[in-house]
Amino acid sequence: MANTKTSISQASSYAEAGEYWDNHDVGEVWEQTEAVHFDVDIKSSRTYFAIEASLSEKLRKVAKQQGVSAETLLNLWLQERVGQEQRESAT
């Protein structure tokens, strides 16, 4: 956060702003607000692949042991394998 204070909360840090909004409602200062427009460009997407039920269960168990979601573990493994395949095909 810049060295300036925010217009409504008069906070000079994110912590101060958070503390202010933890204890105040925007309804209290609605007349001080103004409309804004912004675009959100989310480039995230998902592709679904069928996985055998028994393999899915094994994946979930390993992921739980490693403290991550099955989706995260699968993505990490696929990234490693695809990267390996790309390196091998480039040589």
PDB file of N, CA and C in Angstrom:
ATOM      1  N   MET A   1       0.853  -1.172   0.000  1.00  0.00           N
ATOM      2  CA  MET A   1       0.000   0.000   0.000  1.00  0.00           C
ATOM      3  C   MET A   1       0.894   1.228   0.000  1.00  0.00           C
ATOM      4  N   ALA A   2       0.547   2.210  -0.763  1.00  0.00           N
ATOM      5  CA  ALA A   2       1.344   3.441  -0.848  1.00  0.00           C
ATOM      6  C   ALA A   2       1.361   4.148   0.501  1.00  0.00           C
ATOM      7  N   ASN A   3       2.154   5.164   0.595  1.00  0.00           N
ATOM      8  CA  ASN A   3       2.264   5.922   1.843  1.00  0.00           C
ATOM      9  C   ASN A   3       1.098   6.877   2.050  1.00  0.00           C
ATOM     10  N   THR A   4       0.033   6.712   1.324  1.00  0.00           N
ATOM     11  CA  THR A   4      -1.150   7.551   1.496  1.00  0.00           C
ATOM     12  C   THR A   4      -2.201   6.776   2.263  1.00  0.00           C
ATOM     13  N   LYS A   5      -3.159   7.487   2.781  1.00  0.00           N
ATOM     14  CA  LYS A   5      -4.252   6.848   3.512  1.00  0.00           C
ATOM     15  C   LYS A   5      -5.425   6.624   2.574  1.00  0.00           C
ATOM     16  N   THR A   6      -6.155   5.554   2.804  1.00  0.00           N
ATOM     17  CA  THR A   6      -7.334   5.301   1.990  1.00  0.00           C
ATOM     18  C   THR A   6      -8.409   6.313   2.339  1.00  0.00           C
ATOM     19  N   SER A   7      -9.253   6.635   1.376  1.00  0.00           N
ATOM     20  CA  SER A   7     -10.199   7.732   1.553  1.00  0.00           C
ATOM     21  C   SER A   7     -11.247   7.478   2.628  1.00  0.00           C
ATOM     22  N   ILE A   8     -11.734   6.282   2.763  1.00  0.00           N
ATOM     23  CA  ILE A   8     -12.810   6.033   3.730  1.00  0.00           C
ATOM     24  C   ILE A   8     -12.264   5.586   5.076  1.00  0.00           C
ATOM     25  N   SER A   9     -11.411   4.583   5.086  1.00  0.00           N
ATOM     26  CA  SER A   9     -10.936   4.050   6.365  1.00  0.00           C
ATOM     27  C   SER A   9      -9.810   4.875   6.971  1.00  0.00           C
ATOM     28  N   GLN A  10      -9.183   5.722   6.176  1.00  0.00           N
ATOM     29  CA  GLN A  10      -8.018   6.497   6.605  1.00  0.00           C
ATOM     30  C   GLN A  10      -6.873   5.581   7.047  1.00  0.00           C
ATOM     31  N   ALA A  11      -6.849   4.384   6.519  1.00  0.00           N
ATOM     32  CA  ALA A  11      -5.803   3.425   6.848  1.00  0.00           C
ATOM     33  C   ALA A  11      -4.562   3.686   6.010  1.00  0.00           C
ATOM     34  N   SER A  12      -3.402   3.436   6.585  1.00  0.00           N
ATOM     35  CA  SER A  12      -2.157   3.600   5.837  1.00  0.00           C
ATOM     36  C   SER A  12      -1.469   2.261   5.608  1.00  0.00           C
ATOM     37  N   SER A  13      -2.147   1.169   5.948  1.00  0.00           N
ATOM     38  CA  SER A  13      -1.612  -0.167   5.680  1.00  0.00           C
ATOM     39  C   SER A  13      -2.778  -1.109   5.424  1.00  0.00           C
ATOM     40  N   TYR A  14      -2.480  -2.245   4.802  1.00  0.00           N
ATOM     41  CA  TYR A  14      -3.526  -3.238   4.569  1.00  0.00           C
ATOM     42  C   TYR A  14      -4.098  -3.752   5.887  1.00  0.00           C
ATOM     43  N   ALA A  15      -3.241  -3.882   6.893  1.00  0.00           N
ATOM     44  CA  ALA A  15      -3.712  -4.356   8.198  1.00  0.00           C
ATOM     45  C   ALA A  15      -4.710  -3.372   8.801  1.00  0.00           C
ATOM     46  N   GLU A  16      -4.406  -2.090   8.714  1.00  0.00           N
ATOM     47  CA  GLU A  16      -5.316  -1.075   9.247  1.00  0.00           C
ATOM     48  C   GLU A  16      -6.632  -1.065   8.473  1.00  0.00           C
ATOM     49  N   ALA A  17      -6.548  -1.199   7.153  1.00  0.00           N
ATOM     50  CA  ALA A  17      -7.766  -1.233   6.337  1.00  0.00           C
ATOM     51  C   ALA A  17      -8.603  -2.448   6.705  1.00  0.00           C
ATOM     52  N   GLY A  18      -7.957  -3.581   6.875  1.00  0.00           N
ATOM     53  CA  GLY A  18      -8.675  -4.792   7.266  1.00  0.00           C
ATOM     54  C   GLY A  18      -9.345  -4.644   8.611  1.00  0.00           C
ATOM     55  N   GLU A  19      -8.641  -4.052   9.554  1.00  0.00           N
ATOM     56  CA  GLU A  19      -9.210  -3.831  10.887  1.00  0.00           C
ATOM     57  C   GLU A  19     -10.417  -2.909  10.804  1.00  0.00           C
ATOM     58  N   TYR A  20     -10.312  -1.856   9.995  1.00  0.00           N
ATOM     59  CA  TYR A  20     -11.433  -0.926   9.839  1.00  0.00           C
ATOM     60  C   TYR A  20     -12.656  -1.658   9.303  1.00  0.00           C
ATOM     61  N   TRP A  21     -12.462  -2.423   8.204  1.00  0.00           N
ATOM     62  CA  TRP A  21     -13.616  -3.077   7.567  1.00  0.00           C
ATOM     63  C   TRP A  21     -14.115  -4.273   8.363  1.00  0.00           C
ATOM     64  N   ASP A  22     -13.309  -4.800   9.281  1.00  0.00           N
ATOM     65  CA  ASP A  22     -13.799  -5.838  10.195  1.00  0.00           C
ATOM     66  C   ASP A  22     -14.830  -5.257  11.165  1.00  0.00           C
ATOM     67  N   ASN A  23     -14.735  -3.960  11.406  1.00  0.00           N
ATOM     68  CA  ASN A  23     -15.594  -3.321  12.403  1.00  0.00           C
ATOM     69  C   ASN A  23     -16.614  -2.338  11.824  1.00  0.00           C
ATOM     70  N   HIS A  24     -16.630  -2.164  10.509  1.00  0.00           N
ATOM     71  CA  HIS A  24     -17.546  -1.220   9.871  1.00  0.00           C
ATOM     72  C   HIS A  24     -18.252  -1.873   8.695  1.00  0.00           C
ATOM     73  N   ASP A  25     -19.369  -1.327   8.348  1.00  0.00           N
ATOM     74  CA  ASP A  25     -20.170  -1.804   7.234  1.00  0.00           C
ATOM     75  C   ASP A  25     -20.179  -0.732   6.157  1.00  0.00           C
ATOM     76  N   VAL A  26     -20.118  -1.131   4.898  1.00  0.00           N
ATOM     77  CA  VAL A  26     -20.113  -0.154   3.816  1.00  0.00           C
ATOM     78  C   VAL A  26     -21.388   0.689   3.812  1.00  0.00           C
ATOM     79  N   GLY A  27     -22.449   0.167   4.387  1.00  0.00           N
ATOM     80  CA  GLY A  27     -23.692   0.932   4.490  1.00  0.00           C
ATOM     81  C   GLY A  27     -23.524   2.205   5.289  1.00  0.00           C
ATOM     82  N   GLU A  28     -22.576   2.226   6.212  1.00  0.00           N
ATOM     83  CA  GLU A  28     -22.315   3.407   7.023  1.00  0.00           C
ATOM     84  C   GLU A  28     -21.724   4.551   6.200  1.00  0.00           C
ATOM     85  N   VAL A  29     -21.054   4.221   5.111  1.00  0.00           N
ATOM     86  CA  VAL A  29     -20.346   5.231   4.319  1.00  0.00           C
ATOM     87  C   VAL A  29     -20.745   5.176   2.845  1.00  0.00           C
ATOM     88  N   TRP A  30     -21.911   4.620   2.555  1.00  0.00           N
ATOM     89  CA  TRP A  30     -22.330   4.407   1.177  1.00  0.00           C
ATOM     90  C   TRP A  30     -22.262   5.686   0.337  1.00  0.00           C
ATOM     91  N   GLU A  31     -22.634   6.817   0.919  1.00  0.00           N
ATOM     92  CA  GLU A  31     -22.639   8.060   0.145  1.00  0.00           C
ATOM     93  C   GLU A  31     -21.238   8.516  -0.230  1.00  0.00           C
ATOM     94  N   GLN A  32     -20.222   7.975   0.390  1.00  0.00           N
ATOM     95  CA  GLN A  32     -18.843   8.334   0.062  1.00  0.00           C
ATOM     96  C   GLN A  32     -18.257   7.452  -1.045  1.00  0.00           C
ATOM     97  N   THR A  33     -19.002   6.438  -1.472  1.00  0.00           N
ATOM     98  CA  THR A  33     -18.489   5.525  -2.487  1.00  0.00           C
ATOM     99  C   THR A  33     -18.855   6.011  -3.877  1.00  0.00           C
ATOM    100  N   GLU A  34     -18.216   5.442  -4.875  1.00  0.00           N
ATOM    101  CA  GLU A  34     -18.529   5.767  -6.261  1.00  0.00           C
ATOM    102  C   GLU A  34     -18.479   4.483  -7.094  1.00  0.00           C
ATOM    103  N   ALA A  35     -19.238   4.470  -8.147  1.00  0.00           N
ATOM    104  CA  ALA A  35     -19.295   3.304  -9.022  1.00  0.00           C
ATOM    105  C   ALA A  35     -17.977   3.164  -9.780  1.00  0.00           C
ATOM    106  N   VAL A  36     -17.558   1.946  -9.968  1.00  0.00           N
ATOM    107  CA  VAL A  36     -16.354   1.665 -10.749  1.00  0.00           C
ATOM    108  C   VAL A  36     -16.661   0.548 -11.733  1.00  0.00           C
ATOM    109  N   HIS A  37     -15.877   0.467 -12.783  1.00  0.00           N
ATOM    110  CA  HIS A  37     -16.010  -0.604 -13.759  1.00  0.00           C
ATOM    111  C   HIS A  37     -14.635  -1.224 -13.957  1.00  0.00           C
ATOM    112  N   PHE A  38     -14.595  -2.529 -13.989  1.00  0.00           N
ATOM    113  CA  PHE A  38     -13.346  -3.218 -14.281  1.00  0.00           C
ATOM    114  C   PHE A  38     -13.673  -4.535 -14.960  1.00  0.00           C
ATOM    115  N   ASP A  39     -12.721  -5.006 -15.745  1.00  0.00           N
ATOM    116  CA  ASP A  39     -12.867  -6.268 -16.455  1.00  0.00           C
ATOM    117  C   ASP A  39     -12.045  -7.333 -15.753  1.00  0.00           C
ATOM    118  N   VAL A  40     -12.570  -8.526 -15.736  1.00  0.00           N
ATOM    119  CA  VAL A  40     -11.856  -9.667 -15.189  1.00  0.00           C
ATOM    120  C   VAL A  40     -11.656 -10.654 -16.318  1.00  0.00           C
ATOM    121  N   ASP A  41     -10.429 -10.999 -16.564  1.00  0.00           N
ATOM    122  CA  ASP A  41     -10.104 -11.931 -17.635  1.00  0.00           C
ATOM    123  C   ASP A  41      -9.535 -13.199 -17.016  1.00  0.00           C
ATOM    124  N   ILE A  42     -10.411 -14.156 -16.764  1.00  0.00           N
ATOM    125  CA  ILE A  42      -9.994 -15.408 -16.152  1.00  0.00           C
ATOM    126  C   ILE A  42      -9.662 -16.395 -17.261  1.00  0.00           C
ATOM    127  N   LYS A  43      -8.429 -16.822 -17.289  1.00  0.00           N
ATOM    128  CA  LYS A  43      -7.991 -17.723 -18.346  1.00  0.00           C
ATOM    129  C   LYS A  43      -7.916 -19.170 -17.865  1.00  0.00           C
ATOM    130  N   SER A  44      -8.362 -19.398 -16.681  1.00  0.00           N
ATOM    131  CA  SER A  44      -8.333 -20.742 -16.127  1.00  0.00           C
ATOM    132  C   SER A  44      -9.437 -21.580 -16.766  1.00  0.00           C
ATOM    133  N   SER A  45      -9.115 -22.812 -17.038  1.00  0.00           N
ATOM    134  CA  SER A  45     -10.128 -23.723 -17.566  1.00  0.00           C
ATOM    135  C   SER A  45      -9.820 -25.124 -17.074  1.00  0.00           C
ATOM    136  N   ARG A  46     -10.794 -25.985 -17.194  1.00  0.00           N
ATOM    137  CA  ARG A  46     -10.627 -27.362 -16.767  1.00  0.00           C
ATOM    138  C   ARG A  46     -11.016 -28.287 -17.900  1.00  0.00           C
ATOM    139  N   THR A  47     -10.290 -29.367 -18.001  1.00  0.00           N
ATOM    140  CA  THR A  47     -10.613 -30.426 -18.938  1.00  0.00           C
ATOM    141  C   THR A  47     -10.743 -31.701 -18.123  1.00  0.00           C
ATOM    142  N   TYR A  48     -11.785 -32.428 -18.351  1.00  0.00           N
ATOM    143  CA  TYR A  48     -12.038 -33.633 -17.585  1.00  0.00           C
ATOM    144  C   TYR A  48     -11.681 -34.873 -18.392  1.00  0.00           C
ATOM    145  N   PHE A  49     -11.014 -35.824 -17.735  1.00  0.00           N
ATOM    146  CA  PHE A  49     -10.660 -37.091 -18.336  1.00  0.00           C
ATOM    147  C   PHE A  49     -11.196 -38.201 -17.453  1.00  0.00           C
ATOM    148  N   ALA A  50     -11.679 -39.237 -18.081  1.00  0.00           N
ATOM    149  CA  ALA A  50     -12.182 -40.383 -17.320  1.00  0.00           C
ATOM    150  C   ALA A  50     -10.998 -41.162 -16.748  1.00  0.00           C
ATOM    151  N   ILE A  51     -11.112 -41.550 -15.489  1.00  0.00           N
ATOM    152  CA  ILE A  51     -10.092 -42.348 -14.815  1.00  0.00           C
ATOM    153  C   ILE A  51     -10.802 -43.548 -14.188  1.00  0.00           C
ATOM    154  N   GLU A  52     -10.191 -44.678 -14.300  1.00  0.00           N
ATOM    155  CA  GLU A  52     -10.781 -45.872 -13.693  1.00  0.00           C
ATOM    156  C   GLU A  52     -10.998 -45.625 -12.204  1.00  0.00           C
ATOM    157  N   ALA A  53     -12.097 -46.144 -11.690  1.00  0.00           N
ATOM    158  CA  ALA A  53     -12.464 -45.912 -10.287  1.00  0.00           C
ATOM    159  C   ALA A  53     -11.377 -46.381  -9.331  1.00  0.00           C
ATOM    160  N   SER A  54     -10.803 -47.546  -9.580  1.00  0.00           N
ATOM    161  CA  SER A  54      -9.772 -48.069  -8.668  1.00  0.00           C
ATOM    162  C   SER A  54      -8.511 -47.200  -8.705  1.00  0.00           C
ATOM    163  N   LEU A  55      -8.159 -46.699  -9.894  1.00  0.00           N
ATOM    164  CA  LEU A  55      -7.002 -45.829 -10.013  1.00  0.00           C
ATOM    165  C   LEU A  55      -7.270 -44.491  -9.323  1.00  0.00           C
ATOM    166  N   SER A  56      -8.480 -43.996  -9.449  1.00  0.00           N
ATOM    167  CA  SER A  56      -8.861 -42.750  -8.794  1.00  0.00           C
ATOM    168  C   SER A  56      -8.749 -42.882  -7.279  1.00  0.00           C
ATOM    169  N   GLU A  57      -9.195 -43.990  -6.753  1.00  0.00           N
ATOM    170  CA  GLU A  57      -9.121 -44.220  -5.304  1.00  0.00           C
ATOM    171  C   GLU A  57      -7.669 -44.283  -4.837  1.00  0.00           C
ATOM    172  N   LYS A  58      -6.813 -44.943  -5.597  1.00  0.00           N
ATOM    173  CA  LYS A  58      -5.384 -45.009  -5.249  1.00  0.00           C
ATOM    174  C   LYS A  58      -4.768 -43.610  -5.266  1.00  0.00           C
ATOM    175  N   LEU A  59      -5.134 -42.825  -6.279  1.00  0.00           N
ATOM    176  CA  LEU A  59      -4.639 -41.459  -6.389  1.00  0.00           C
ATOM    177  C   LEU A  59      -5.062 -40.642  -5.175  1.00  0.00           C
ATOM    178  N   ARG A  60      -6.318 -40.762  -4.774  1.00  0.00           N
ATOM    179  CA  ARG A  60      -6.816 -40.024  -3.614  1.00  0.00           C
ATOM    180  C   ARG A  60      -6.071 -40.395  -2.338  1.00  0.00           C
ATOM    181  N   LYS A  61      -5.764 -41.673  -2.169  1.00  0.00           N
ATOM    182  CA  LYS A  61      -5.030 -42.115  -0.975  1.00  0.00           C
ATOM    183  C   LYS A  61      -3.629 -41.534  -0.936  1.00  0.00           C
ATOM    184  N   VAL A  62      -2.931 -41.588  -2.076  1.00  0.00           N
ATOM    185  CA  VAL A  62      -1.571 -41.034  -2.130  1.00  0.00           C
ATOM    186  C   VAL A  62      -1.608 -39.523  -1.888  1.00  0.00           C
ATOM    187  N   ALA A  63      -2.566 -38.854  -2.507  1.00  0.00           N
ATOM    188  CA  ALA A  63      -2.684 -37.402  -2.333  1.00  0.00           C
ATOM    189  C   ALA A  63      -2.934 -37.051  -0.872  1.00  0.00           C
ATOM    190  N   LYS A  64      -3.811 -37.804  -0.218  1.00  0.00           N
ATOM    191  CA  LYS A  64      -4.100 -37.544   1.198  1.00  0.00           C
ATOM    192  C   LYS A  64      -2.846 -37.727   2.039  1.00  0.00           C
ATOM    193  N   GLN A  65      -2.063 -38.755   1.742  1.00  0.00           N
ATOM    194  CA  GLN A  65      -0.813 -38.996   2.474  1.00  0.00           C
ATOM    195  C   GLN A  65       0.165 -37.837   2.297  1.00  0.00           C
ATOM    196  N   GLN A  66       0.130 -37.217   1.116  1.00  0.00           N
ATOM    197  CA  GLN A  66       1.050 -36.118   0.832  1.00  0.00           C
ATOM    198  C   GLN A  66       0.472 -34.759   1.228  1.00  0.00           C
ATOM    199  N   GLY A  67      -0.783 -34.752   1.688  1.00  0.00           N
ATOM    200  CA  GLY A  67      -1.393 -33.522   2.160  1.00  0.00           C
ATOM    201  C   GLY A  67      -1.823 -32.562   1.056  1.00  0.00           C
ATOM    202  N   VAL A  68      -2.122 -33.105  -0.118  1.00  0.00           N
ATOM    203  CA  VAL A  68      -2.599 -32.277  -1.230  1.00  0.00           C
ATOM    204  C   VAL A  68      -3.865 -32.900  -1.794  1.00  0.00           C
ATOM    205  N   SER A  69      -4.562 -32.156  -2.629  1.00  0.00           N
ATOM    206  CA  SER A  69      -5.753 -32.713  -3.267  1.00  0.00           C
ATOM    207  C   SER A  69      -5.336 -33.669  -4.379  1.00  0.00           C
ATOM    208  N   ALA A  70      -6.220 -34.575  -4.717  1.00  0.00           N
ATOM    209  CA  ALA A  70      -5.954 -35.508  -5.808  1.00  0.00           C
ATOM    210  C   ALA A  70      -5.735 -34.743  -7.107  1.00  0.00           C
ATOM    211  N   GLU A  71      -6.499 -33.674  -7.308  1.00  0.00           N
ATOM    212  CA  GLU A  71      -6.346 -32.859  -8.519  1.00  0.00           C
ATOM    213  C   GLU A  71      -4.948 -32.249  -8.601  1.00  0.00           C
ATOM    214  N   THR A  72      -4.460 -31.706  -7.492  1.00  0.00           N
ATOM    215  CA  THR A  72      -3.125 -31.105  -7.463  1.00  0.00           C
ATOM    216  C   THR A  72      -2.060 -32.140  -7.749  1.00  0.00           C
ATOM    217  N   LEU A  73      -2.149 -33.286  -7.086  1.00  0.00           N
ATOM    218  CA  LEU A  73      -1.157 -34.340  -7.289  1.00  0.00           C
ATOM    219  C   LEU A  73      -1.153 -34.820  -8.734  1.00  0.00           C
ATOM    220  N   LEU A  74      -2.324 -35.039  -9.292  1.00  0.00           N
ATOM    221  CA  LEU A  74      -2.422 -35.496 -10.671  1.00  0.00           C
ATOM    222  C   LEU A  74      -1.818 -34.466 -11.626  1.00  0.00           C
ATOM    223  N   ASN A  75      -2.104 -33.196 -11.411  1.00  0.00           N
ATOM    224  CA  ASN A  75      -1.532 -32.149 -12.259  1.00  0.00           C
ATOM    225  C   ASN A  75      -0.010 -32.099 -12.147  1.00  0.00           C
ATOM    226  N   LEU A  76       0.519 -32.254 -10.936  1.00  0.00           N
ATOM    227  CA  LEU A  76       1.973 -32.266 -10.762  1.00  0.00           C
ATOM    228  C   LEU A  76       2.606 -33.438 -11.497  1.00  0.00           C
ATOM    229  N   TRP A  77       2.019 -34.614 -11.348  1.00  0.00           N
ATOM    230  CA  TRP A  77       2.547 -35.801 -12.023  1.00  0.00           C
ATOM    231  C   TRP A  77       2.483 -35.651 -13.536  1.00  0.00           C
ATOM    232  N   LEU A  78       1.388 -35.135 -14.034  1.00  0.00           N
ATOM    233  CA  LEU A  78       1.251 -34.961 -15.483  1.00  0.00           C
ATOM    234  C   LEU A  78       2.231 -33.920 -16.011  1.00  0.00           C
ATOM    235  N   GLN A  79       2.433 -32.843 -15.262  1.00  0.00           N
ATOM    236  CA  GLN A  79       3.408 -31.835 -15.681  1.00  0.00           C
ATOM    237  C   GLN A  79       4.801 -32.444 -15.786  1.00  0.00           C
ATOM    238  N   GLU A  80       5.166 -33.251 -14.794  1.00  0.00           N
ATOM    239  CA  GLU A  80       6.474 -33.898 -14.809  1.00  0.00           C
ATOM    240  C   GLU A  80       6.604 -34.818 -16.018  1.00  0.00           C
ATOM    241  N   ARG A  81       5.598 -35.634 -16.236  1.00  0.00           N
ATOM    242  CA  ARG A  81       5.655 -36.614 -17.320  1.00  0.00           C
ATOM    243  C   ARG A  81       5.635 -35.949 -18.695  1.00  0.00           C
ATOM    244  N   VAL A  82       4.776 -34.979 -18.874  1.00  0.00           N
ATOM    245  CA  VAL A  82       4.710 -34.283 -20.162  1.00  0.00           C
ATOM    246  C   VAL A  82       6.023 -33.544 -20.418  1.00  0.00           C
ATOM    247  N   GLY A  83       6.585 -32.923 -19.395  1.00  0.00           N
ATOM    248  CA  GLY A  83       7.882 -32.252 -19.532  1.00  0.00           C
ATOM    249  C   GLY A  83       8.970 -33.225 -19.931  1.00  0.00           C
ATOM    250  N   GLN A  84       8.960 -34.393 -19.312  1.00  0.00           N
ATOM    251  CA  GLN A  84       9.935 -35.438 -19.640  1.00  0.00           C
ATOM    252  C   GLN A  84       9.772 -35.872 -21.096  1.00  0.00           C
ATOM    253  N   GLU A  85       8.558 -36.102 -21.521  1.00  0.00           N
ATOM    254  CA  GLU A  85       8.292 -36.513 -22.903  1.00  0.00           C
ATOM    255  C   GLU A  85       8.765 -35.443 -23.882  1.00  0.00           C
ATOM    256  N   GLN A  86       8.522 -34.180 -23.557  1.00  0.00           N
ATOM    257  CA  GLN A  86       8.943 -33.101 -24.441  1.00  0.00           C
ATOM    258  C   GLN A  86      10.461 -33.014 -24.537  1.00  0.00           C
ATOM    259  N   ARG A  87      11.143 -33.186 -23.405  1.00  0.00           N
ATOM    260  CA  ARG A  87      12.608 -33.146 -23.421  1.00  0.00           C
ATOM    261  C   ARG A  87      13.168 -34.303 -24.240  1.00  0.00           C
ATOM    262  N   GLU A  88      12.580 -35.482 -24.080  1.00  0.00           N
ATOM    263  CA  GLU A  88      13.061 -36.648 -24.821  1.00  0.00           C
ATOM    264  C   GLU A  88      12.811 -36.520 -26.307  1.00  0.00           C
ATOM    265  N   SER A  89      11.682 -35.946 -26.695  1.00  0.00           N
ATOM    266  CA  SER A  89      11.380 -35.816 -28.118  1.00  0.00           C
ATOM    267  C   SER A  89      12.180 -34.691 -28.767  1.00  0.00           C
ATOM    268  N   ALA A  90      12.716 -33.774 -27.964  1.00  0.00           N
ATOM    269  CA  ALA A  90      13.505 -32.677 -28.503  1.00  0.00           C
ATOM    270  C   ALA A  90      14.945 -33.109 -28.808  1.00  0.00           C
ATOM    271  N   THR A  91      15.331 -34.237 -28.276  1.00  0.00           N
ATOM    272  CA  THR A  91      16.723 -34.684 -28.484  1.00  0.00           C
ATOM    273  C   THR A  91      16.841 -35.615 -29.651  1.00  0.00           C
TER     274      THR A  91
END
